[in-house]
PDB file of N, CA and C in Angstrom:
ATOM      1  N   MET A   1      25.577  10.285 -13.369  1.00  0.00           N
ATOM      2  CA  MET A   1      24.228   9.754 -13.518  1.00  0.00           C
ATOM      3  C   MET A   1      24.223   8.694 -14.619  1.00  0.00           C
ATOM      4  N   GLY A   2      23.778   7.496 -14.290  1.00  0.00           N
ATOM      5  CA  GLY A   2      23.716   6.432 -15.272  1.00  0.00           C
ATOM      6  C   GLY A   2      22.429   6.465 -16.065  1.00  0.00           C
ATOM      7  N   LEU A   3      22.314   5.568 -17.016  1.00  0.00           N
ATOM      8  CA  LEU A   3      21.123   5.485 -17.852  1.00  0.00           C
ATOM      9  C   LEU A   3      19.865   5.284 -17.018  1.00  0.00           C
ATOM     10  N   ALA A   4      19.945   4.429 -15.999  1.00  0.00           N
ATOM     11  CA  ALA A   4      18.772   4.147 -15.159  1.00  0.00           C
ATOM     12  C   ALA A   4      18.264   5.402 -14.459  1.00  0.00           C
ATOM     13  N   ASP A   5      19.163   6.350 -14.156  1.00  0.00           N
ATOM     14  CA  ASP A   5      18.759   7.564 -13.457  1.00  0.00           C
ATOM     15  C   ASP A   5      17.997   8.526 -14.366  1.00  0.00           C
ATOM     16  N   ASN A   6      18.083   8.334 -15.671  1.00  0.00           N
ATOM     17  CA  ASN A   6      17.449   9.244 -16.622  1.00  0.00           C
ATOM     18  C   ASN A   6      16.206   8.670 -17.287  1.00  0.00           C
ATOM     19  N   ARG A   7      15.724   7.510 -16.853  1.00  0.00           N
ATOM     20  CA  ARG A   7      14.591   6.875 -17.522  1.00  0.00           C
ATOM     21  C   ARG A   7      13.363   7.753 -17.494  1.00  0.00           C
ATOM     22  N   TRP A   8      12.865   8.047 -16.348  1.00  0.00           N
ATOM     23  CA  TRP A   8      11.702   8.907 -16.178  1.00  0.00           C
ATOM     24  C   TRP A   8      11.590   9.270 -14.713  1.00  0.00           C
ATOM     25  N   SER A   9      10.697  10.175 -14.432  1.00  0.00           N
ATOM     26  CA  SER A   9      10.495  10.593 -13.056  1.00  0.00           C
ATOM     27  C   SER A   9       9.055  10.337 -12.654  1.00  0.00           C
ATOM     28  N   LEU A  10       8.868   9.881 -11.432  1.00  0.00           N
ATOM     29  CA  LEU A  10       7.535   9.720 -10.872  1.00  0.00           C
ATOM     30  C   LEU A  10       7.303  10.746  -9.766  1.00  0.00           C
ATOM     31  N   LYS A  11       8.126  11.798  -9.770  1.00  0.00           N
ATOM     32  CA  LYS A  11       7.991  12.849  -8.769  1.00  0.00           C
ATOM     33  C   LYS A  11       6.576  13.416  -8.826  1.00  0.00           C
ATOM     34  N   GLY A  12       5.956  13.531  -7.655  1.00  0.00           N
ATOM     35  CA  GLY A  12       4.588  14.035  -7.574  1.00  0.00           C
ATOM     36  C   GLY A  12       3.530  12.952  -7.695  1.00  0.00           C
ATOM     37  N   MET A  13       3.954  11.730  -7.994  1.00  0.00           N
ATOM     38  CA  MET A  13       3.022  10.609  -8.115  1.00  0.00           C
ATOM     39  C   MET A  13       3.003   9.837  -6.795  1.00  0.00           C
ATOM     40  N   SER A  14       1.939   9.065  -6.598  1.00  0.00           N
ATOM     41  CA  SER A  14       1.794   8.251  -5.393  1.00  0.00           C
ATOM     42  C   SER A  14       1.521   6.809  -5.775  1.00  0.00           C
ATOM     43  N   ALA A  15       1.948   5.897  -4.918  1.00  0.00           N
ATOM     44  CA  ALA A  15       1.733   4.474  -5.193  1.00  0.00           C
ATOM     45  C   ALA A  15       1.471   3.724  -3.895  1.00  0.00           C
ATOM     46  N   LEU A  16       0.601   2.738  -4.000  1.00  0.00           N
ATOM     47  CA  LEU A  16       0.356   1.792  -2.908  1.00  0.00           C
ATOM     48  C   LEU A  16       0.841   0.433  -3.385  1.00  0.00           C
ATOM     49  N   VAL A  17       1.745  -0.170  -2.623  1.00  0.00           N
ATOM     50  CA  VAL A  17       2.266  -1.494  -2.956  1.00  0.00           C
ATOM     51  C   VAL A  17       1.941  -2.418  -1.791  1.00  0.00           C
ATOM     52  N   THR A  18       1.027  -3.359  -2.023  1.00  0.00           N
ATOM     53  CA  THR A  18       0.708  -4.323  -0.977  1.00  0.00           C
ATOM     54  C   THR A  18       1.799  -5.388  -0.957  1.00  0.00           C
ATOM     55  N   GLY A  19       2.137  -5.863   0.228  1.00  0.00           N
ATOM     56  CA  GLY A  19       3.177  -6.891   0.345  1.00  0.00           C
ATOM     57  C   GLY A  19       4.538  -6.378  -0.060  1.00  0.00           C
ATOM     58  N   GLY A  20       4.869  -5.156   0.311  1.00  0.00           N
ATOM     59  CA  GLY A  20       6.098  -4.530  -0.154  1.00  0.00           C
ATOM     60  C   GLY A  20       7.279  -4.635   0.780  1.00  0.00           C
ATOM     61  N   THR A  21       7.271  -5.584   1.706  1.00  0.00           N
ATOM     62  CA  THR A  21       8.380  -5.658   2.664  1.00  0.00           C
ATOM     63  C   THR A  21       9.467  -6.654   2.291  1.00  0.00           C
ATOM     64  N   LYS A  22       9.224  -7.467   1.271  1.00  0.00           N
ATOM     65  CA  LYS A  22      10.250  -8.441   0.873  1.00  0.00           C
ATOM     66  C   LYS A  22      10.029  -8.856  -0.571  1.00  0.00           C
ATOM     67  N   GLY A  23      11.037  -9.461  -1.140  1.00  0.00           N
ATOM     68  CA  GLY A  23      10.939 -10.004  -2.493  1.00  0.00           C
ATOM     69  C   GLY A  23      10.619  -8.967  -3.553  1.00  0.00           C
ATOM     70  N   ILE A  24       9.775  -9.377  -4.495  1.00  0.00           N
ATOM     71  CA  ILE A  24       9.400  -8.504  -5.611  1.00  0.00           C
ATOM     72  C   ILE A  24       8.706  -7.240  -5.109  1.00  0.00           C
ATOM     73  N   GLY A  25       7.848  -7.398  -4.103  1.00  0.00           N
ATOM     74  CA  GLY A  25       7.154  -6.231  -3.558  1.00  0.00           C
ATOM     75  C   GLY A  25       8.120  -5.180  -3.055  1.00  0.00           C
ATOM     76  N   TYR A  26       9.148  -5.614  -2.324  1.00  0.00           N
ATOM     77  CA  TYR A  26      10.157  -4.685  -1.813  1.00  0.00           C
ATOM     78  C   TYR A  26      10.885  -4.006  -2.973  1.00  0.00           C
ATOM     79  N   ALA A  27      11.247  -4.779  -3.989  1.00  0.00           N
ATOM     80  CA  ALA A  27      11.949  -4.217  -5.150  1.00  0.00           C
ATOM     81  C   ALA A  27      11.089  -3.167  -5.855  1.00  0.00           C
ATOM     82  N   ILE A  28       9.790  -3.410  -5.919  1.00  0.00           N
ATOM     83  CA  ILE A  28       8.884  -2.448  -6.550  1.00  0.00           C
ATOM     84  C   ILE A  28       8.821  -1.166  -5.720  1.00  0.00           C
ATOM     85  N   VAL A  29       8.685  -1.303  -4.397  1.00  0.00           N
ATOM     86  CA  VAL A  29       8.665  -0.131  -3.518  1.00  0.00           C
ATOM     87  C   VAL A  29       9.935   0.684  -3.709  1.00  0.00           C
ATOM     88  N   GLU A  30      11.074   0.010  -3.669  1.00  0.00           N
ATOM     89  CA  GLU A  30      12.359   0.692  -3.800  1.00  0.00           C
ATOM     90  C   GLU A  30      12.485   1.402  -5.146  1.00  0.00           C
ATOM     91  N   GLU A  31      12.084   0.730  -6.211  1.00  0.00           N
ATOM     92  CA  GLU A  31      12.197   1.335  -7.548  1.00  0.00           C
ATOM     93  C   GLU A  31      11.275   2.547  -7.688  1.00  0.00           C
ATOM     94  N   LEU A  32      10.033   2.421  -7.206  1.00  0.00           N
ATOM     95  CA  LEU A  32       9.111   3.561  -7.273  1.00  0.00           C
ATOM     96  C   LEU A  32       9.644   4.746  -6.475  1.00  0.00           C
ATOM     97  N   ALA A  33      10.163   4.472  -5.280  1.00  0.00           N
ATOM     98  CA  ALA A  33      10.731   5.540  -4.455  1.00  0.00           C
ATOM     99  C   ALA A  33      11.961   6.152  -5.122  1.00  0.00           C
ATOM    100  N   LYS A  34      12.777   5.303  -5.729  1.00  0.00           N
ATOM    101  CA  LYS A  34      13.975   5.775  -6.426  1.00  0.00           C
ATOM    102  C   LYS A  34      13.601   6.720  -7.571  1.00  0.00           C
ATOM    103  N   LEU A  35      12.469   6.459  -8.197  1.00  0.00           N
ATOM    104  CA  LEU A  35      12.010   7.296  -9.306  1.00  0.00           C
ATOM    105  C   LEU A  35      11.235   8.530  -8.824  1.00  0.00           C
ATOM    106  N   GLY A  36      11.113   8.689  -7.505  1.00  0.00           N
ATOM    107  CA  GLY A  36      10.538   9.909  -6.953  1.00  0.00           C
ATOM    108  C   GLY A  36       9.111   9.819  -6.468  1.00  0.00           C
ATOM    109  N   ALA A  37       8.470   8.648  -6.564  1.00  0.00           N
ATOM    110  CA  ALA A  37       7.076   8.511  -6.120  1.00  0.00           C
ATOM    111  C   ALA A  37       6.995   8.488  -4.602  1.00  0.00           C
ATOM    112  N   ARG A  38       5.881   8.976  -4.080  1.00  0.00           N
ATOM    113  CA  ARG A  38       5.554   8.789  -2.662  1.00  0.00           C
ATOM    114  C   ARG A  38       4.923   7.407  -2.578  1.00  0.00           C
ATOM    115  N   VAL A  39       5.442   6.561  -1.708  1.00  0.00           N
ATOM    116  CA  VAL A  39       5.001   5.167  -1.671  1.00  0.00           C
ATOM    117  C   VAL A  39       4.474   4.808  -0.283  1.00  0.00           C
ATOM    118  N   HIS A  40       3.366   4.092  -0.281  1.00  0.00           N
ATOM    119  CA  HIS A  40       2.831   3.486   0.937  1.00  0.00           C
ATOM    120  C   HIS A  40       2.824   1.986   0.696  1.00  0.00           C
ATOM    121  N   THR A  41       3.312   1.234   1.658  1.00  0.00           N
ATOM    122  CA  THR A  41       3.285  -0.215   1.544  1.00  0.00           C
ATOM    123  C   THR A  41       2.667  -0.811   2.796  1.00  0.00           C
ATOM    124  N   CYS A  42       2.350  -2.080   2.714  1.00  0.00           N
ATOM    125  CA  CYS A  42       1.767  -2.737   3.885  1.00  0.00           C
ATOM    126  C   CYS A  42       2.284  -4.165   3.980  1.00  0.00           C
ATOM    127  N   SER A  43       2.135  -4.697   5.187  1.00  0.00           N
ATOM    128  CA  SER A  43       2.531  -6.070   5.479  1.00  0.00           C
ATOM    129  C   SER A  43       1.642  -6.581   6.593  1.00  0.00           C
ATOM    130  N   ARG A  44       1.472  -7.891   6.652  1.00  0.00           N
ATOM    131  CA  ARG A  44       0.731  -8.487   7.768  1.00  0.00           C
ATOM    132  C   ARG A  44       1.552  -8.453   9.048  1.00  0.00           C
ATOM    133  N   ASN A  45       2.868  -8.348   8.911  1.00  0.00           N
ATOM    134  CA  ASN A  45       3.793  -8.465  10.045  1.00  0.00           C
ATOM    135  C   ASN A  45       4.369  -7.090  10.382  1.00  0.00           C
ATOM    136  N   GLU A  46       4.037  -6.575  11.567  1.00  0.00           N
ATOM    137  CA  GLU A  46       4.475  -5.228  11.964  1.00  0.00           C
ATOM    138  C   GLU A  46       5.987  -5.120  12.088  1.00  0.00           C
ATOM    139  N   ALA A  47       6.628  -6.151  12.628  1.00  0.00           N
ATOM    140  CA  ALA A  47       8.090  -6.119  12.770  1.00  0.00           C
ATOM    141  C   ALA A  47       8.768  -6.059  11.405  1.00  0.00           C
ATOM    142  N   GLU A  48       8.285  -6.871  10.450  1.00  0.00           N
ATOM    143  CA  GLU A  48       8.823  -6.828   9.081  1.00  0.00           C
ATOM    144  C   GLU A  48       8.607  -5.461   8.456  1.00  0.00           C
ATOM    145  N   LEU A  49       7.415  -4.918   8.645  1.00  0.00           N
ATOM    146  CA  LEU A  49       7.089  -3.607   8.089  1.00  0.00           C
ATOM    147  C   LEU A  49       8.036  -2.545   8.632  1.00  0.00           C
ATOM    148  N   ASN A  50       8.222  -2.519   9.952  1.00  0.00           N
ATOM    149  CA  ASN A  50       9.099  -1.523  10.555  1.00  0.00           C
ATOM    150  C   ASN A  50      10.538  -1.667  10.078  1.00  0.00           C
ATOM    151  N   GLY A  51      11.006  -2.902   9.944  1.00  0.00           N
ATOM    152  CA  GLY A  51      12.355  -3.137   9.429  1.00  0.00           C
ATOM    153  C   GLY A  51      12.509  -2.657   7.999  1.00  0.00           C
ATOM    154  N   CYS A  52      11.507  -2.922   7.197  1.00  0.00           N
ATOM    155  CA  CYS A  52      11.512  -2.487   5.797  1.00  0.00           C
ATOM    156  C   CYS A  52      11.537  -0.963   5.699  1.00  0.00           C
ATOM    157  N   LEU A  53      10.664  -0.317   6.464  1.00  0.00           N
ATOM    158  CA  LEU A  53      10.591   1.146   6.424  1.00  0.00           C
ATOM    159  C   LEU A  53      11.909   1.763   6.884  1.00  0.00           C
ATOM    160  N   LYS A  54      12.542   1.179   7.896  1.00  0.00           N
ATOM    161  CA  LYS A  54      13.837   1.672   8.378  1.00  0.00           C
ATOM    162  C   LYS A  54      14.908   1.506   7.308  1.00  0.00           C
ATOM    163  N   ALA A  55      14.944   0.353   6.650  1.00  0.00           N
ATOM    164  CA  ALA A  55      15.934   0.108   5.593  1.00  0.00           C
ATOM    165  C   ALA A  55      15.762   1.099   4.443  1.00  0.00           C
ATOM    166  N   LEU A  56      14.516   1.373   4.065  1.00  0.00           N
ATOM    167  CA  LEU A  56      14.256   2.322   2.986  1.00  0.00           C
ATOM    168  C   LEU A  56      14.621   3.744   3.402  1.00  0.00           C
ATOM    169  N   GLU A  57      14.319   4.083   4.651  1.00  0.00           N
ATOM    170  CA  GLU A  57      14.689   5.400   5.176  1.00  0.00           C
ATOM    171  C   GLU A  57      16.207   5.565   5.174  1.00  0.00           C
ATOM    172  N   ASP A  58      16.928   4.506   5.561  1.00  0.00           N
ATOM    173  CA  ASP A  58      18.394   4.555   5.572  1.00  0.00           C
ATOM    174  C   ASP A  58      18.961   4.769   4.172  1.00  0.00           C
ATOM    175  N   LYS A  59      18.205   4.381   3.142  1.00  0.00           N
ATOM    176  CA  LYS A  59      18.631   4.594   1.755  1.00  0.00           C
ATOM    177  C   LYS A  59      18.209   5.965   1.243  1.00  0.00           C
ATOM    178  N   GLY A  60      17.508   6.726   2.091  1.00  0.00           N
ATOM    179  CA  GLY A  60      17.111   8.077   1.699  1.00  0.00           C
ATOM    180  C   GLY A  60      15.742   8.171   1.061  1.00  0.00           C
ATOM    181  N   PHE A  61      14.963   7.109   1.103  1.00  0.00           N
ATOM    182  CA  PHE A  61      13.633   7.116   0.500  1.00  0.00           C
ATOM    183  C   PHE A  61      12.571   7.493   1.522  1.00  0.00           C
ATOM    184  N   VAL A  62      11.547   8.182   1.059  1.00  0.00           N
ATOM    185  CA  VAL A  62      10.415   8.529   1.913  1.00  0.00           C
ATOM    186  C   VAL A  62       9.290   7.551   1.585  1.00  0.00           C
ATOM    187  N   VAL A  63       9.091   6.587   2.460  1.00  0.00           N
ATOM    188  CA  VAL A  63       8.072   5.551   2.273  1.00  0.00           C
ATOM    189  C   VAL A  63       7.323   5.416   3.595  1.00  0.00           C
ATOM    190  N   CYS A  64       5.999   5.352   3.517  1.00  0.00           N
ATOM    191  CA  CYS A  64       5.213   5.114   4.727  1.00  0.00           C
ATOM    192  C   CYS A  64       4.563   3.739   4.603  1.00  0.00           C
ATOM    193  N   GLY A  65       4.020   3.248   5.696  1.00  0.00           N
ATOM    194  CA  GLY A  65       3.436   1.926   5.652  1.00  0.00           C
ATOM    195  C   GLY A  65       2.466   1.688   6.785  1.00  0.00           C
ATOM    196  N   SER A  66       1.742   0.591   6.669  1.00  0.00           N
ATOM    197  CA  SER A  66       0.798   0.194   7.706  1.00  0.00           C
ATOM    198  C   SER A  66       0.648  -1.322   7.691  1.00  0.00           C
ATOM    199  N   VAL A  67       0.170  -1.828   8.815  1.00  0.00           N
ATOM    200  CA  VAL A  67      -0.081  -3.263   8.931  1.00  0.00           C
ATOM    201  C   VAL A  67      -1.429  -3.549   8.283  1.00  0.00           C
ATOM    202  N   CYS A  68      -1.457  -4.544   7.390  1.00  0.00           N
ATOM    203  CA  CYS A  68      -2.697  -4.920   6.711  1.00  0.00           C
ATOM    204  C   CYS A  68      -2.564  -6.325   6.145  1.00  0.00           C
ATOM    205  N   ASP A  69      -3.570  -7.133   6.372  1.00  0.00           N
ATOM    206  CA  ASP A  69      -3.684  -8.432   5.722  1.00  0.00           C
ATOM    207  C   ASP A  69      -4.639  -8.217   4.552  1.00  0.00           C
ATOM    208  N   ALA A  70      -4.098  -8.167   3.346  1.00  0.00           N
ATOM    209  CA  ALA A  70      -4.902  -7.841   2.170  1.00  0.00           C
ATOM    210  C   ALA A  70      -5.955  -8.895   1.850  1.00  0.00           C
ATOM    211  N   SER A  71      -5.916 -10.049   2.505  1.00  0.00           N
ATOM    212  CA  SER A  71      -6.966 -11.047   2.279  1.00  0.00           C
ATOM    213  C   SER A  71      -8.209 -10.767   3.135  1.00  0.00           C
ATOM    214  N   SER A  72      -8.117  -9.793   4.032  1.00  0.00           N
ATOM    215  CA  SER A  72      -9.238  -9.425   4.905  1.00  0.00           C
ATOM    216  C   SER A  72      -9.945  -8.183   4.359  1.00  0.00           C
ATOM    217  N   LYS A  73     -11.225  -8.318   4.035  1.00  0.00           N
ATOM    218  CA  LYS A  73     -11.975  -7.184   3.492  1.00  0.00           C
ATOM    219  C   LYS A  73     -11.959  -6.004   4.454  1.00  0.00           C
ATOM    220  N   ALA A  74     -12.151  -6.257   5.748  1.00  0.00           N
ATOM    221  CA  ALA A  74     -12.170  -5.173   6.729  1.00  0.00           C
ATOM    222  C   ALA A  74     -10.824  -4.443   6.766  1.00  0.00           C
ATOM    223  N   GLN A  75      -9.732  -5.207   6.699  1.00  0.00           N
ATOM    224  CA  GLN A  75      -8.413  -4.572   6.720  1.00  0.00           C
ATOM    225  C   GLN A  75      -8.124  -3.831   5.419  1.00  0.00           C
ATOM    226  N   ARG A  76      -8.593  -4.359   4.281  1.00  0.00           N
ATOM    227  CA  ARG A  76      -8.445  -3.642   3.006  1.00  0.00           C
ATOM    228  C   ARG A  76      -9.204  -2.325   3.052  1.00  0.00           C
ATOM    229  N   GLU A  77     -10.418  -2.359   3.605  1.00  0.00           N
ATOM    230  CA  GLU A  77     -11.211  -1.138   3.711  1.00  0.00           C
ATOM    231  C   GLU A  77     -10.484  -0.096   4.559  1.00  0.00           C
ATOM    232  N   LYS A  78      -9.929  -0.528   5.687  1.00  0.00           N
ATOM    233  CA  LYS A  78      -9.186   0.379   6.561  1.00  0.00           C
ATOM    234  C   LYS A  78      -7.957   0.938   5.834  1.00  0.00           C
ATOM    235  N   LEU A  79      -7.250   0.071   5.107  1.00  0.00           N
ATOM    236  CA  LEU A  79      -6.079   0.502   4.338  1.00  0.00           C
ATOM    237  C   LEU A  79      -6.473   1.542   3.301  1.00  0.00           C
ATOM    238  N   MET A  80      -7.536   1.277   2.554  1.00  0.00           N
ATOM    239  CA  MET A  80      -7.959   2.199   1.507  1.00  0.00           C
ATOM    240  C   MET A  80      -8.390   3.540   2.091  1.00  0.00           C
ATOM    241  N   GLU A  81      -9.066   3.514   3.232  1.00  0.00           N
ATOM    242  CA  GLU A  81      -9.471   4.758   3.876  1.00  0.00           C
ATOM    243  C   GLU A  81      -8.256   5.584   4.292  1.00  0.00           C
ATOM    244  N   SER A  82      -7.291   4.939   4.927  1.00  0.00           N
ATOM    245  CA  SER A  82      -6.130   5.687   5.406  1.00  0.00           C
ATOM    246  C   SER A  82      -5.257   6.180   4.256  1.00  0.00           C
ATOM    247  N   VAL A  83      -5.049   5.345   3.258  1.00  0.00           N
ATOM    248  CA  VAL A  83      -4.185   5.737   2.149  1.00  0.00           C
ATOM    249  C   VAL A  83      -4.881   6.749   1.239  1.00  0.00           C
ATOM    250  N   SER A  84      -6.160   6.560   0.986  1.00  0.00           N
ATOM    251  CA  SER A  84      -6.853   7.482   0.079  1.00  0.00           C
ATOM    252  C   SER A  84      -7.001   8.873   0.665  1.00  0.00           C
ATOM    253  N   SER A  85      -6.874   8.988   1.992  1.00  0.00           N
ATOM    254  CA  SER A  85      -6.918  10.320   2.580  1.00  0.00           C
ATOM    255  C   SER A  85      -5.651  11.115   2.251  1.00  0.00           C
ATOM    256  N   VAL A  86      -4.593  10.421   1.871  1.00  0.00           N
ATOM    257  CA  VAL A  86      -3.335  11.072   1.527  1.00  0.00           C
ATOM    258  C   VAL A  86      -3.051  10.997   0.024  1.00  0.00           C
ATOM    259  N   PHE A  87      -3.323   9.830  -0.589  1.00  0.00           N
ATOM    260  CA  PHE A  87      -2.984   9.581  -1.993  1.00  0.00           C
ATOM    261  C   PHE A  87      -4.244   9.361  -2.819  1.00  0.00           C
ATOM    262  N   ASN A  88      -4.132   9.577  -4.118  1.00  0.00           N
ATOM    263  CA  ASN A  88      -5.111   9.068  -5.074  1.00  0.00           C
ATOM    264  C   ASN A  88      -4.600   7.695  -5.478  1.00  0.00           C
ATOM    265  N   VAL A  89      -5.360   6.633  -5.218  1.00  0.00           N
ATOM    266  CA  VAL A  89      -4.862   5.266  -5.332  1.00  0.00           C
ATOM    267  C   VAL A  89      -5.465   4.541  -6.521  1.00  0.00           C
ATOM    268  N   ASN A  90      -4.614   3.846  -7.270  1.00  0.00           N
ATOM    269  CA  ASN A  90      -5.025   2.891  -8.290  1.00  0.00           C
ATOM    270  C   ASN A  90      -4.375   1.573  -7.938  1.00  0.00           C
ATOM    271  N   ASN A  91      -5.092   0.462  -8.110  1.00  0.00           N
ATOM    272  CA  ASN A  91      -4.541  -0.853  -7.812  1.00  0.00           C
ATOM    273  C   ASN A  91      -4.755  -1.735  -9.033  1.00  0.00           C
ATOM    274  N   VAL A  92      -3.730  -2.458  -9.461  1.00  0.00           N
ATOM    275  CA  VAL A  92      -3.822  -3.317 -10.632  1.00  0.00           C
ATOM    276  C   VAL A  92      -3.526  -4.748 -10.244  1.00  0.00           C
ATOM    277  N   GLY A  93      -3.861  -5.673 -11.117  1.00  0.00           N
ATOM    278  CA  GLY A  93      -3.521  -7.059 -10.865  1.00  0.00           C
ATOM    279  C   GLY A  93      -4.452  -8.033 -11.556  1.00  0.00           C
ATOM    280  N   THR A  94      -5.699  -7.679 -11.762  1.00  0.00           N
ATOM    281  CA  THR A  94      -6.624  -8.555 -12.465  1.00  0.00           C
ATOM    282  C   THR A  94      -7.480  -7.715 -13.404  1.00  0.00           C
ATOM    283  N   ALA A  95      -8.285  -8.387 -14.198  1.00  0.00           N
ATOM    284  CA  ALA A  95      -9.154  -7.691 -15.136  1.00  0.00           C
ATOM    285  C   ALA A  95     -10.595  -7.626 -14.643  1.00  0.00           C
ATOM    286  N   ILE A  96     -10.782  -7.763 -13.343  1.00  0.00           N
ATOM    287  CA  ILE A  96     -12.114  -7.655 -12.759  1.00  0.00           C
ATOM    288  C   ILE A  96     -12.276  -6.211 -12.305  1.00  0.00           C
ATOM    289  N   TRP A  97     -13.258  -5.501 -12.849  1.00  0.00           N
ATOM    290  CA  TRP A  97     -13.404  -4.080 -12.564  1.00  0.00           C
ATOM    291  C   TRP A  97     -14.400  -3.861 -11.440  1.00  0.00           C
ATOM    292  N   LYS A  98     -13.877  -3.521 -10.265  1.00  0.00           N
ATOM    293  CA  LYS A  98     -14.704  -3.161  -9.119  1.00  0.00           C
ATOM    294  C   LYS A  98     -13.808  -2.447  -8.120  1.00  0.00           C
ATOM    295  N   PRO A  99     -14.389  -1.763  -7.128  1.00  0.00           N
ATOM    296  CA  PRO A  99     -13.550  -1.084  -6.138  1.00  0.00           C
ATOM    297  C   PRO A  99     -12.614  -2.061  -5.436  1.00  0.00           C
ATOM    298  N   ALA A 100     -11.411  -1.610  -5.120  1.00  0.00           N
ATOM    299  CA  ALA A 100     -10.387  -2.470  -4.517  1.00  0.00           C
ATOM    300  C   ALA A 100     -10.865  -3.123  -3.229  1.00  0.00           C
ATOM    301  N   ILE A 101     -11.691  -2.445  -2.462  1.00  0.00           N
ATOM    302  CA  ILE A 101     -12.121  -3.016  -1.187  1.00  0.00           C
ATOM    303  C   ILE A 101     -13.102  -4.168  -1.358  1.00  0.00           C
ATOM    304  N   GLU A 102     -13.611  -4.372  -2.585  1.00  0.00           N
ATOM    305  CA  GLU A 102     -14.545  -5.471  -2.821  1.00  0.00           C
ATOM    306  C   GLU A 102     -13.866  -6.752  -3.311  1.00  0.00           C
ATOM    307  N   TYR A 103     -12.545  -6.725  -3.550  1.00  0.00           N
ATOM    308  CA  TYR A 103     -11.847  -7.928  -4.003  1.00  0.00           C
ATOM    309  C   TYR A 103     -11.780  -8.962  -2.885  1.00  0.00           C
ATOM    310  N   GLU A 104     -11.910 -10.214  -3.263  1.00  0.00           N
ATOM    311  CA  GLU A 104     -11.763 -11.324  -2.338  1.00  0.00           C
ATOM    312  C   GLU A 104     -10.316 -11.781  -2.364  1.00  0.00           C
ATOM    313  N   SER A 105      -9.943 -12.741  -1.512  1.00  0.00           N
ATOM    314  CA  SER A 105      -8.588 -13.260  -1.550  1.00  0.00           C
ATOM    315  C   SER A 105      -8.332 -13.881  -2.921  1.00  0.00           C
ATOM    316  N   SER A 106      -7.070 -13.959  -3.335  1.00  0.00           N
ATOM    317  CA  SER A 106      -6.718 -14.375  -4.688  1.00  0.00           C
ATOM    318  C   SER A 106      -7.270 -15.751  -5.048  1.00  0.00           C
ATOM    319  N   LYS A 107      -7.355 -16.682  -4.105  1.00  0.00           N
ATOM    320  CA  LYS A 107      -7.856 -18.002  -4.432  1.00  0.00           C
ATOM    321  C   LYS A 107      -9.329 -17.954  -4.863  1.00  0.00           C
ATOM    322  N   ASN A 108     -10.058 -16.952  -4.378  1.00  0.00           N
ATOM    323  CA  ASN A 108     -11.457 -16.813  -4.757  1.00  0.00           C
ATOM    324  C   ASN A 108     -11.645 -15.931  -5.984  1.00  0.00           C
ATOM    325  N   VAL A 109     -10.770 -14.975  -6.200  1.00  0.00           N
ATOM    326  CA  VAL A 109     -10.891 -14.078  -7.343  1.00  0.00           C
ATOM    327  C   VAL A 109     -10.797 -14.859  -8.642  1.00  0.00           C
ATOM    328  N   TYR A 110      -9.842 -15.768  -8.745  1.00  0.00           N
ATOM    329  CA  TYR A 110      -9.611 -16.456 -10.013  1.00  0.00           C
ATOM    330  C   TYR A 110     -10.716 -17.419 -10.380  1.00  0.00           C
ATOM    331  N   LYS A 111     -11.517 -17.861  -9.461  1.00  0.00           N
ATOM    332  CA  LYS A 111     -12.626 -18.728  -9.826  1.00  0.00           C
ATOM    333  C   LYS A 111     -13.694 -17.966 -10.624  1.00  0.00           C
ATOM    334  N   HIS A 112     -13.663 -16.617 -10.556  1.00  0.00           N
ATOM    335  CA  HIS A 112     -14.630 -15.805 -11.273  1.00  0.00           C
ATOM    336  C   HIS A 112     -14.191 -15.508 -12.710  1.00  0.00           C
ATOM    337  N   LEU A 113     -12.946 -15.781 -13.041  1.00  0.00           N
ATOM    338  CA  LEU A 113     -12.439 -15.466 -14.388  1.00  0.00           C
ATOM    339  C   LEU A 113     -12.884 -16.478 -15.420  1.00  0.00           C
TER     340      LEU A 113
END
């Protein structure tokens, strides 16, 4: 066991990572799962999502996912309903305090800051 394996454990914790099928999002999903968290991720592209979930499963991680375009309020609402029925969800990213389903797309959020 290396130093990274002894940092901390997220066993029993849950996380939602939007855009977790590639790049930084994928790395975050993998790291959270590696630390023991139950992770749900989403992507606008179903084929990408399925490929990502298969790759994570092949690595031994338990990660679930769904198709969602986070710029769509209706799709965010659906995502929050499905995920919150399984997980207690917190979402971070800006300093605007309101329910996650009320956020607008990022280009509109920053005009309010």
